[in-house]
Amino acid sequence: MAVATTLTFADRLAAEVQRKQSQIVVGLDPNPDLMPVELRGDIARFCCGIVDAVAPHAVAVKPQLAFFEALGSAGIAAFEQVCSYARRAGLLVIADGKRGDIGSTARAYAQALSGSTDTPAGPVAGLGADAFTANPLLGRDSLEPLIASGSGVFVLVRTSNPGAADVQDLELASGEALWERLARLVDELGGAGAGLADVGAVLGATRPEHLERARELMPRAVFLLPGVGAQGGRVEDLAPAFAPGRAAALVTASRAIVGAHREGGGDPAAAALAAAERLREAAWSLAS
């Protein structure tokens, strides 16, 4: 009798990348200032409309928790609604909360984002995320409880913002940059094996010159590549990230897709659909 196995996050991601022939993650950043006037009071409706538009061309959405949390309990309810809606649409959900703490607090973060069967109150559903982002600056013991949840974890390694250089590029006594040490930690926590690991890395598409070195240090990690579009990152510069295969990197865009209607006008969903398809084609052509 065959023994049933549970697919890892990396397994599910790879299957979706192949099925949709896409490595696109759409960031859901419902900033009221960037939303159509008629939808500014209903971020769940806005985000679900984007989900409907991009579902054929994306493998995941990446809702930014801050914009939901800013609305208090109503925002958390909207976040749950959007996550559930996205999963029913066949999309993976990567919660962008950049959590980072130690011990019981780290475990609580993991429970809140992805759920748990082991809490004092019994099983909890959590917010329904398949994966989430994490801040590693508290060290290994801040990441281990997140990884133990069984969800995918994308660790901040070299981010896309200009200020990243203030800390992440600092040279250590070993001669390597801090971001390179973080990359080694990601590789260690990802464990041994032949396939992609459930522990991935956030690497800004705005600094593509780091990608080849990052791939040397993290051969099994899935790279989450924010910064394409509004932040200046270019898809055509990201080829080194895909060296292990098509599912080894995810190109994420937020404003370039969610805000596409602001440039050309017209229906937000139609504009997002067209922008997502263009980005999908460009990214798919890079990988072999």
C-alpha atoms as a PDB file:
ATOM      1  CA  MET A   1       0.000   0.000   0.000  1.00  0.00           C
ATOM      2  CA  ALA A   2       1.398   3.397  -0.967  1.00  0.00           C
ATOM      3  CA  VAL A   3       2.109   5.814   1.847  1.00  0.00           C
ATOM      4  CA  ALA A   4       0.600   9.271   1.351  1.00  0.00           C
ATOM      5  CA  THR A   5       3.069  12.124   1.485  1.00  0.00           C
ATOM      6  CA  THR A   6       2.478  15.794   2.079  1.00  0.00           C
ATOM      7  CA  LEU A   7       3.864  18.075  -0.586  1.00  0.00           C
ATOM      8  CA  THR A   8       6.215  20.759   0.653  1.00  0.00           C
ATOM      9  CA  PHE A   9       5.727  24.404  -0.216  1.00  0.00           C
ATOM     10  CA  ALA A  10       8.577  24.141  -2.746  1.00  0.00           C
ATOM     11  CA  ASP A  11       6.927  21.095  -4.355  1.00  0.00           C
ATOM     12  CA  ARG A  12       3.606  22.893  -4.695  1.00  0.00           C
ATOM     13  CA  LEU A  13       5.286  25.997  -6.038  1.00  0.00           C
ATOM     14  CA  ALA A  14       7.217  24.041  -8.659  1.00  0.00           C
ATOM     15  CA  ALA A  15       4.033  22.293  -9.782  1.00  0.00           C
ATOM     16  CA  GLU A  16       2.191  25.608 -10.163  1.00  0.00           C
ATOM     17  CA  VAL A  17       5.087  27.208 -12.051  1.00  0.00           C
ATOM     18  CA  GLN A  18       5.042  24.346 -14.534  1.00  0.00           C
ATOM     19  CA  ARG A  19       1.253  24.239 -14.801  1.00  0.00           C
ATOM     20  CA  LYS A  20       0.867  27.951 -15.493  1.00  0.00           C
ATOM     21  CA  GLN A  21       4.224  28.488 -17.172  1.00  0.00           C
ATOM     22  CA  SER A  22       4.656  31.479 -14.916  1.00  0.00           C
ATOM     23  CA  GLN A  23       6.994  32.745 -12.191  1.00  0.00           C
ATOM     24  CA  ILE A  24       4.977  35.863 -11.422  1.00  0.00           C
ATOM     25  CA  VAL A  25       3.916  36.956  -7.936  1.00  0.00           C
ATOM     26  CA  VAL A  26       1.532  39.902  -7.750  1.00  0.00           C
ATOM     27  CA  GLY A  27       1.916  42.124  -4.726  1.00  0.00           C
ATOM     28  CA  LEU A  28      -1.377  43.234  -3.204  1.00  0.00           C
ATOM     29  CA  ASP A  29      -0.598  46.620  -1.663  1.00  0.00           C
ATOM     30  CA  PRO A  30      -4.009  48.270  -1.205  1.00  0.00           C
ATOM     31  CA  ASN A  31      -2.736  51.767  -0.581  1.00  0.00           C
ATOM     32  CA  PRO A  32      -5.866  53.966  -0.759  1.00  0.00           C
ATOM     33  CA  ASP A  33      -3.873  56.718  -2.485  1.00  0.00           C
ATOM     34  CA  LEU A  34      -3.241  54.395  -5.440  1.00  0.00           C
ATOM     35  CA  MET A  35      -6.705  52.837  -5.676  1.00  0.00           C
ATOM     36  CA  PRO A  36      -9.601  53.953  -7.852  1.00  0.00           C
ATOM     37  CA  VAL A  37     -11.728  56.440  -5.930  1.00  0.00           C
ATOM     38  CA  GLU A  38     -14.822  54.232  -6.019  1.00  0.00           C
ATOM     39  CA  LEU A  39     -12.961  51.339  -4.316  1.00  0.00           C
ATOM     40  CA  ARG A  40     -11.040  53.162  -1.602  1.00  0.00           C
ATOM     41  CA  GLY A  41     -13.508  52.118   1.067  1.00  0.00           C
ATOM     42  CA  ASP A  42     -13.372  48.409   0.183  1.00  0.00           C
ATOM     43  CA  ILE A  43      -9.852  47.014  -0.044  1.00  0.00           C
ATOM     44  CA  ALA A  44     -11.105  43.421  -0.068  1.00  0.00           C
ATOM     45  CA  ARG A  45     -13.191  44.085  -3.176  1.00  0.00           C
ATOM     46  CA  PHE A  46     -10.242  45.834  -4.830  1.00  0.00           C
ATOM     47  CA  CYS A  47      -7.796  43.007  -4.068  1.00  0.00           C
ATOM     48  CA  CYS A  48     -10.244  40.271  -5.073  1.00  0.00           C
ATOM     49  CA  GLY A  49     -10.768  42.052  -8.375  1.00  0.00           C
ATOM     50  CA  ILE A  50      -7.007  41.996  -8.955  1.00  0.00           C
ATOM     51  CA  VAL A  51      -6.944  38.287  -8.035  1.00  0.00           C
ATOM     52  CA  ASP A  52      -9.614  37.583 -10.646  1.00  0.00           C
ATOM     53  CA  ALA A  53      -7.614  39.489 -13.249  1.00  0.00           C
ATOM     54  CA  VAL A  54      -4.173  37.968 -12.650  1.00  0.00           C
ATOM     55  CA  ALA A  55      -5.066  34.384 -11.659  1.00  0.00           C
ATOM     56  CA  PRO A  56      -4.447  32.977 -15.168  1.00  0.00           C
ATOM     57  CA  HIS A  57      -0.948  34.499 -15.335  1.00  0.00           C
ATOM     58  CA  ALA A  58       0.424  34.432 -11.765  1.00  0.00           C
ATOM     59  CA  VAL A  59       1.383  31.604  -9.416  1.00  0.00           C
ATOM     60  CA  ALA A  60       0.969  33.591  -6.201  1.00  0.00           C
ATOM     61  CA  VAL A  61      -0.121  36.825  -4.629  1.00  0.00           C
ATOM     62  CA  LYS A  62       1.828  38.654  -1.945  1.00  0.00           C
ATOM     63  CA  PRO A  63      -0.520  40.712   0.237  1.00  0.00           C
ATOM     64  CA  GLN A  64       1.303  43.386   2.235  1.00  0.00           C
ATOM     65  CA  LEU A  65       0.051  43.044   5.794  1.00  0.00           C
ATOM     66  CA  ALA A  66       0.767  46.653   6.747  1.00  0.00           C
ATOM     67  CA  PHE A  67      -1.969  48.075   4.523  1.00  0.00           C
ATOM     68  CA  PHE A  68      -4.498  45.678   6.026  1.00  0.00           C
ATOM     69  CA  GLU A  69      -3.339  46.092   9.630  1.00  0.00           C
ATOM     70  CA  ALA A  70      -3.619  49.873   9.260  1.00  0.00           C
ATOM     71  CA  LEU A  71      -7.407  49.404   9.164  1.00  0.00           C
ATOM     72  CA  GLY A  72      -7.571  47.504  12.449  1.00  0.00           C
ATOM     73  CA  SER A  73      -9.885  44.528  12.872  1.00  0.00           C
ATOM     74  CA  ALA A  74     -11.715  45.336   9.639  1.00  0.00           C
ATOM     75  CA  GLY A  75      -8.412  45.166   7.812  1.00  0.00           C
ATOM     76  CA  ILE A  76      -7.534  41.779   9.304  1.00  0.00           C
ATOM     77  CA  ALA A  77     -10.952  40.483   8.262  1.00  0.00           C
ATOM     78  CA  ALA A  78     -10.286  41.800   4.745  1.00  0.00           C
ATOM     79  CA  PHE A  79      -6.876  40.099   4.727  1.00  0.00           C
ATOM     80  CA  GLU A  80      -8.444  36.753   5.628  1.00  0.00           C
ATOM     81  CA  GLN A  81     -11.079  37.246   2.930  1.00  0.00           C
ATOM     82  CA  VAL A  82      -8.479  38.063   0.280  1.00  0.00           C
ATOM     83  CA  CYS A  83      -6.246  35.125   1.219  1.00  0.00           C
ATOM     84  CA  SER A  84      -9.163  32.712   1.090  1.00  0.00           C
ATOM     85  CA  TYR A  85     -10.339  34.148  -2.226  1.00  0.00           C
ATOM     86  CA  ALA A  86      -6.856  33.876  -3.743  1.00  0.00           C
ATOM     87  CA  ARG A  87      -6.456  30.261  -2.718  1.00  0.00           C
ATOM     88  CA  ARG A  88      -9.848  29.356  -4.182  1.00  0.00           C
ATOM     89  CA  ALA A  89      -8.633  30.999  -7.407  1.00  0.00           C
ATOM     90  CA  GLY A  90      -5.689  28.582  -7.468  1.00  0.00           C
ATOM     91  CA  LEU A  91      -3.031  31.009  -6.250  1.00  0.00           C
ATOM     92  CA  LEU A  92      -0.479  30.493  -3.511  1.00  0.00           C
ATOM     93  CA  VAL A  93      -0.419  33.194  -0.822  1.00  0.00           C
ATOM     94  CA  ILE A  94       2.827  34.739   0.433  1.00  0.00           C
ATOM     95  CA  ALA A  95       2.104  36.988   3.409  1.00  0.00           C
ATOM     96  CA  ASP A  96       4.494  39.929   3.385  1.00  0.00           C
ATOM     97  CA  GLY A  97       4.881  40.771   7.061  1.00  0.00           C
ATOM     98  CA  LYS A  98       8.683  40.518   7.522  1.00  0.00           C
ATOM     99  CA  ARG A  99       8.236  38.943  10.939  1.00  0.00           C
ATOM    100  CA  GLY A 100      11.239  38.417  13.205  1.00  0.00           C
ATOM    101  CA  ASP A 101      11.460  37.485  16.888  1.00  0.00           C
ATOM    102  CA  ILE A 102      12.552  34.590  19.069  1.00  0.00           C
ATOM    103  CA  GLY A 103      11.063  31.673  20.946  1.00  0.00           C
ATOM    104  CA  SER A 104       7.379  31.659  21.736  1.00  0.00           C
ATOM    105  CA  THR A 105       6.841  34.972  19.913  1.00  0.00           C
ATOM    106  CA  ALA A 106       8.245  33.539  16.689  1.00  0.00           C
ATOM    107  CA  ARG A 107       6.006  30.484  17.059  1.00  0.00           C
ATOM    108  CA  ALA A 108       3.022  32.765  17.594  1.00  0.00           C
ATOM    109  CA  TYR A 109       3.850  34.657  14.399  1.00  0.00           C
ATOM    110  CA  ALA A 110       3.929  31.373  12.494  1.00  0.00           C
ATOM    111  CA  GLN A 111       0.596  30.299  14.003  1.00  0.00           C
ATOM    112  CA  ALA A 112      -1.008  33.613  13.131  1.00  0.00           C
ATOM    113  CA  LEU A 113       0.119  33.531   9.519  1.00  0.00           C
ATOM    114  CA  SER A 114      -0.247  29.885   8.570  1.00  0.00           C
ATOM    115  CA  GLY A 115      -2.157  28.156  11.352  1.00  0.00           C
ATOM    116  CA  SER A 116      -1.206  25.426  13.775  1.00  0.00           C
ATOM    117  CA  THR A 117      -2.572  22.209  15.248  1.00  0.00           C
ATOM    118  CA  ASP A 118      -0.687  22.721  18.509  1.00  0.00           C
ATOM    119  CA  THR A 119      -1.852  25.721  20.543  1.00  0.00           C
ATOM    120  CA  PRO A 120      -3.301  26.000  24.073  1.00  0.00           C
ATOM    121  CA  ALA A 121      -6.685  26.695  22.465  1.00  0.00           C
ATOM    122  CA  GLY A 122      -6.412  23.741  20.086  1.00  0.00           C
ATOM    123  CA  PRO A 123      -6.042  23.925  16.281  1.00  0.00           C
ATOM    124  CA  VAL A 124      -6.197  27.394  14.737  1.00  0.00           C
ATOM    125  CA  ALA A 125      -6.703  28.225  11.083  1.00  0.00           C
ATOM    126  CA  GLY A 126      -4.410  31.236  10.994  1.00  0.00           C
ATOM    127  CA  LEU A 127      -4.600  33.746   8.182  1.00  0.00           C
ATOM    128  CA  GLY A 128      -4.209  31.128   5.483  1.00  0.00           C
ATOM    129  CA  ALA A 129      -0.751  31.943   4.124  1.00  0.00           C
ATOM    130  CA  ASP A 130       1.244  29.291   2.275  1.00  0.00           C
ATOM    131  CA  ALA A 131       4.451  31.207   2.917  1.00  0.00           C
ATOM    132  CA  PHE A 132       5.615  34.434   4.506  1.00  0.00           C
ATOM    133  CA  THR A 133       8.574  36.800   4.632  1.00  0.00           C
ATOM    134  CA  ALA A 134      10.897  36.958   7.644  1.00  0.00           C
ATOM    135  CA  ASN A 135      13.516  39.325   9.043  1.00  0.00           C
ATOM    136  CA  PRO A 136      16.672  37.382  10.041  1.00  0.00           C
ATOM    137  CA  LEU A 137      18.531  40.018  12.053  1.00  0.00           C
ATOM    138  CA  LEU A 138      17.733  38.361  15.387  1.00  0.00           C
ATOM    139  CA  GLY A 139      19.583  35.280  14.174  1.00  0.00           C
ATOM    140  CA  ARG A 140      19.005  31.587  13.590  1.00  0.00           C
ATOM    141  CA  ASP A 141      16.728  31.067  16.587  1.00  0.00           C
ATOM    142  CA  SER A 142      14.311  33.672  15.241  1.00  0.00           C
ATOM    143  CA  LEU A 143      13.891  31.721  12.010  1.00  0.00           C
ATOM    144  CA  GLU A 144      13.754  28.127  13.218  1.00  0.00           C
ATOM    145  CA  PRO A 145      10.221  28.345  14.737  1.00  0.00           C
ATOM    146  CA  LEU A 146       8.942  29.895  11.507  1.00  0.00           C
ATOM    147  CA  ILE A 147      10.492  27.129   9.420  1.00  0.00           C
ATOM    148  CA  ALA A 148       9.111  24.470  11.782  1.00  0.00           C
ATOM    149  CA  SER A 149       5.584  25.600  10.869  1.00  0.00           C
ATOM    150  CA  GLY A 150       5.924  23.788   7.540  1.00  0.00           C
ATOM    151  CA  SER A 151       5.167  26.906   5.523  1.00  0.00           C
ATOM    152  CA  GLY A 152       7.519  28.456   3.030  1.00  0.00           C
ATOM    153  CA  VAL A 153       9.752  31.139   4.559  1.00  0.00           C
ATOM    154  CA  PHE A 154      11.378  33.875   2.473  1.00  0.00           C
ATOM    155  CA  VAL A 155      14.236  35.425   4.443  1.00  0.00           C
ATOM    156  CA  LEU A 156      15.324  38.995   3.759  1.00  0.00           C
ATOM    157  CA  VAL A 157      18.857  38.756   2.356  1.00  0.00           C
ATOM    158  CA  ARG A 158      19.541  41.747   0.077  1.00  0.00           C
ATOM    159  CA  THR A 159      16.499  43.942  -0.283  1.00  0.00           C
ATOM    160  CA  SER A 160      15.471  46.323  -3.062  1.00  0.00           C
ATOM    161  CA  ASN A 161      15.354  49.623  -1.168  1.00  0.00           C
ATOM    162  CA  PRO A 162      18.227  52.152  -1.490  1.00  0.00           C
ATOM    163  CA  GLY A 163      18.872  52.099   2.272  1.00  0.00           C
ATOM    164  CA  ALA A 164      19.653  48.371   2.193  1.00  0.00           C
ATOM    165  CA  ALA A 165      23.302  49.243   1.606  1.00  0.00           C
ATOM    166  CA  ASP A 166      23.481  50.952   5.022  1.00  0.00           C
ATOM    167  CA  VAL A 167      23.468  47.576   6.757  1.00  0.00           C
ATOM    168  CA  GLN A 168      23.280  44.671   4.336  1.00  0.00           C
ATOM    169  CA  ASP A 169      26.432  45.621   2.402  1.00  0.00           C
ATOM    170  CA  LEU A 170      28.605  46.123   5.502  1.00  0.00           C
ATOM    171  CA  GLU A 171      31.837  44.132   5.372  1.00  0.00           C
ATOM    172  CA  LEU A 172      32.311  41.579   8.135  1.00  0.00           C
ATOM    173  CA  ALA A 173      35.579  40.489   9.705  1.00  0.00           C
ATOM    174  CA  SER A 174      35.523  37.475   7.378  1.00  0.00           C
ATOM    175  CA  GLY A 175      35.682  39.812   4.379  1.00  0.00           C
ATOM    176  CA  GLU A 176      32.205  38.985   3.146  1.00  0.00           C
ATOM    177  CA  ALA A 177      29.245  41.347   3.158  1.00  0.00           C
ATOM    178  CA  LEU A 178      26.531  40.919   5.775  1.00  0.00           C
ATOM    179  CA  TRP A 179      24.049  39.904   3.072  1.00  0.00           C
ATOM    180  CA  GLU A 180      26.395  37.090   2.042  1.00  0.00           C
ATOM    181  CA  ARG A 181      26.436  35.768   5.612  1.00  0.00           C
ATOM    182  CA  LEU A 182      22.642  35.903   5.632  1.00  0.00           C
ATOM    183  CA  ALA A 183      22.663  33.951   2.376  1.00  0.00           C
ATOM    184  CA  ARG A 184      24.817  31.254   3.968  1.00  0.00           C
ATOM    185  CA  LEU A 185      22.356  31.057   6.853  1.00  0.00           C
ATOM    186  CA  VAL A 186      19.457  30.594   4.423  1.00  0.00           C
ATOM    187  CA  ASP A 187      21.340  27.762   2.728  1.00  0.00           C
ATOM    188  CA  GLU A 188      22.091  26.084   6.057  1.00  0.00           C
ATOM    189  CA  LEU A 189      18.493  26.334   7.238  1.00  0.00           C
ATOM    190  CA  GLY A 190      17.213  24.993   3.927  1.00  0.00           C
ATOM    191  CA  GLY A 191      18.829  21.642   4.686  1.00  0.00           C
ATOM    192  CA  ALA A 192      20.271  19.057   2.348  1.00  0.00           C
ATOM    193  CA  GLY A 193      18.523  17.587  -0.655  1.00  0.00           C
ATOM    194  CA  ALA A 194      18.301  17.589  -4.397  1.00  0.00           C
ATOM    195  CA  GLY A 195      15.274  19.801  -4.934  1.00  0.00           C
ATOM    196  CA  LEU A 196      14.315  23.322  -4.039  1.00  0.00           C
ATOM    197  CA  ALA A 197      14.156  24.171  -0.333  1.00  0.00           C
ATOM    198  CA  ASP A 198      11.219  25.605   1.598  1.00  0.00           C
ATOM    199  CA  VAL A 199      13.545  28.321   2.926  1.00  0.00           C
ATOM    200  CA  GLY A 200      13.931  30.980   0.252  1.00  0.00           C
ATOM    201  CA  ALA A 201      15.507  34.414  -0.001  1.00  0.00           C
ATOM    202  CA  VAL A 202      14.251  37.909  -0.752  1.00  0.00           C
ATOM    203  CA  LEU A 203      16.677  39.571  -3.169  1.00  0.00           C
ATOM    204  CA  GLY A 204      15.942  42.931  -4.710  1.00  0.00           C
ATOM    205  CA  ALA A 205      15.618  43.022  -8.479  1.00  0.00           C
ATOM    206  CA  THR A 206      17.102  46.515  -8.259  1.00  0.00           C
ATOM    207  CA  ARG A 207      20.574  45.044  -7.595  1.00  0.00           C
ATOM    208  CA  PRO A 208      20.900  42.233 -10.160  1.00  0.00           C
ATOM    209  CA  GLU A 209      24.694  42.280  -9.914  1.00  0.00           C
ATOM    210  CA  HIS A 210      24.338  40.277  -6.673  1.00  0.00           C
ATOM    211  CA  LEU A 211      22.283  37.456  -8.167  1.00  0.00           C
ATOM    212  CA  GLU A 212      25.100  35.287  -9.503  1.00  0.00           C
ATOM    213  CA  ARG A 213      26.925  35.343  -6.163  1.00  0.00           C
ATOM    214  CA  ALA A 214      23.662  34.769  -4.313  1.00  0.00           C
ATOM    215  CA  ARG A 215      22.971  31.695  -6.409  1.00  0.00           C
ATOM    216  CA  GLU A 216      26.424  30.318  -5.612  1.00  0.00           C
ATOM    217  CA  LEU A 217      25.701  30.696  -1.906  1.00  0.00           C
ATOM    218  CA  MET A 218      22.086  29.436  -2.048  1.00  0.00           C
ATOM    219  CA  PRO A 219      21.844  26.785  -4.789  1.00  0.00           C
ATOM    220  CA  ARG A 220      18.520  25.352  -3.511  1.00  0.00           C
ATOM    221  CA  ALA A 221      16.731  28.488  -2.354  1.00  0.00           C
ATOM    222  CA  VAL A 222      13.787  30.006  -4.208  1.00  0.00           C
ATOM    223  CA  PHE A 223      14.532  33.685  -4.829  1.00  0.00           C
ATOM    224  CA  LEU A 224      11.710  36.177  -4.333  1.00  0.00           C
ATOM    225  CA  LEU A 225      12.641  39.161  -6.502  1.00  0.00           C
ATOM    226  CA  PRO A 226      10.772  42.389  -5.660  1.00  0.00           C
ATOM    227  CA  GLY A 227      11.474  45.747  -7.230  1.00  0.00           C
ATOM    228  CA  VAL A 228      10.508  45.209 -10.872  1.00  0.00           C
ATOM    229  CA  GLY A 229       8.753  48.176 -12.407  1.00  0.00           C
ATOM    230  CA  ALA A 230       8.146  51.149 -10.136  1.00  0.00           C
ATOM    231  CA  GLN A 231      11.390  50.639  -8.179  1.00  0.00           C
ATOM    232  CA  GLY A 232      13.470  50.381 -11.343  1.00  0.00           C
ATOM    233  CA  GLY A 233      14.234  46.657 -11.552  1.00  0.00           C
ATOM    234  CA  ARG A 234      14.266  45.099 -15.039  1.00  0.00           C
ATOM    235  CA  VAL A 235      13.156  41.545 -15.772  1.00  0.00           C
ATOM    236  CA  GLU A 236      15.829  41.037 -18.402  1.00  0.00           C
ATOM    237  CA  ASP A 237      18.562  41.442 -15.753  1.00  0.00           C
ATOM    238  CA  LEU A 238      17.348  38.544 -13.598  1.00  0.00           C
ATOM    239  CA  ALA A 239      18.495  35.505 -15.598  1.00  0.00           C
ATOM    240  CA  PRO A 240      21.144  34.319 -13.041  1.00  0.00           C
ATOM    241  CA  ALA A 241      18.382  33.758 -10.486  1.00  0.00           C
ATOM    242  CA  PHE A 242      16.855  30.999 -12.640  1.00  0.00           C
ATOM    243  CA  ALA A 243      20.026  28.915 -12.945  1.00  0.00           C
ATOM    244  CA  PRO A 244      18.628  25.840 -11.096  1.00  0.00           C
ATOM    245  CA  GLY A 245      15.384  25.867 -13.097  1.00  0.00           C
ATOM    246  CA  ARG A 246      12.193  27.741 -13.829  1.00  0.00           C
ATOM    247  CA  ALA A 247      10.750  27.512 -10.310  1.00  0.00           C
ATOM    248  CA  ALA A 248      13.946  28.725  -8.635  1.00  0.00           C
ATOM    249  CA  ALA A 249      12.939  32.393  -8.752  1.00  0.00           C
ATOM    250  CA  LEU A 250       9.755  34.401  -8.531  1.00  0.00           C
ATOM    251  CA  VAL A 251       9.413  37.847 -10.064  1.00  0.00           C
ATOM    252  CA  THR A 252       7.190  40.006  -7.913  1.00  0.00           C
ATOM    253  CA  ALA A 253       5.570  43.249  -8.957  1.00  0.00           C
ATOM    254  CA  SER A 254       3.036  45.373  -7.124  1.00  0.00           C
ATOM    255  CA  ARG A 255       2.492  48.871  -8.457  1.00  0.00           C
ATOM    256  CA  ALA A 256       3.450  47.851 -12.006  1.00  0.00           C
ATOM    257  CA  ILE A 257       0.420  45.523 -12.061  1.00  0.00           C
ATOM    258  CA  VAL A 258      -2.016  46.723  -9.399  1.00  0.00           C
ATOM    259  CA  GLY A 259      -1.524  50.343 -10.479  1.00  0.00           C
ATOM    260  CA  ALA A 260      -1.306  49.720 -14.225  1.00  0.00           C
ATOM    261  CA  HIS A 261      -4.633  51.508 -14.753  1.00  0.00           C
ATOM    262  CA  ARG A 262      -3.087  54.779 -13.565  1.00  0.00           C
ATOM    263  CA  GLU A 263      -0.919  55.068 -16.665  1.00  0.00           C
ATOM    264  CA  GLY A 264      -3.258  53.954 -19.413  1.00  0.00           C
ATOM    265  CA  GLY A 265      -6.583  54.595 -17.750  1.00  0.00           C
ATOM    266  CA  GLY A 266      -9.519  52.240 -18.156  1.00  0.00           C
ATOM    267  CA  ASP A 267     -10.636  49.314 -16.053  1.00  0.00           C
ATOM    268  CA  PRO A 268      -8.171  48.379 -13.249  1.00  0.00           C
ATOM    269  CA  ALA A 269      -8.725  44.646 -13.707  1.00  0.00           C
ATOM    270  CA  ALA A 270      -8.148  44.759 -17.462  1.00  0.00           C
ATOM    271  CA  ALA A 271      -5.011  46.846 -17.014  1.00  0.00           C
ATOM    272  CA  ALA A 272      -3.691  44.423 -14.356  1.00  0.00           C
ATOM    273  CA  LEU A 273      -4.406  41.450 -16.616  1.00  0.00           C
ATOM    274  CA  ALA A 274      -2.436  42.948 -19.495  1.00  0.00           C
ATOM    275  CA  ALA A 275       0.480  43.974 -17.263  1.00  0.00           C
ATOM    276  CA  ALA A 276       0.674  40.530 -15.612  1.00  0.00           C
ATOM    277  CA  GLU A 277       0.718  38.768 -18.966  1.00  0.00           C
ATOM    278  CA  ARG A 278       3.514  40.990 -20.280  1.00  0.00           C
ATOM    279  CA  LEU A 279       5.588  40.330 -17.187  1.00  0.00           C
ATOM    280  CA  ARG A 280       4.893  36.582 -17.319  1.00  0.00           C
ATOM    281  CA  GLU A 281       6.091  36.348 -20.912  1.00  0.00           C
ATOM    282  CA  ALA A 282       9.242  38.340 -20.182  1.00  0.00           C
ATOM    283  CA  ALA A 283      10.182  36.256 -17.134  1.00  0.00           C
ATOM    284  CA  TRP A 284       9.384  32.879 -18.728  1.00  0.00           C
ATOM    285  CA  SER A 285      11.662  33.658 -21.657  1.00  0.00           C
ATOM    286  CA  LEU A 286      14.649  34.011 -19.287  1.00  0.00           C
ATOM    287  CA  ALA A 287      14.534  30.562 -17.728  1.00  0.00           C
ATOM    288  CA  SER A 288      15.585  27.320 -19.367  1.00  0.00           C
END
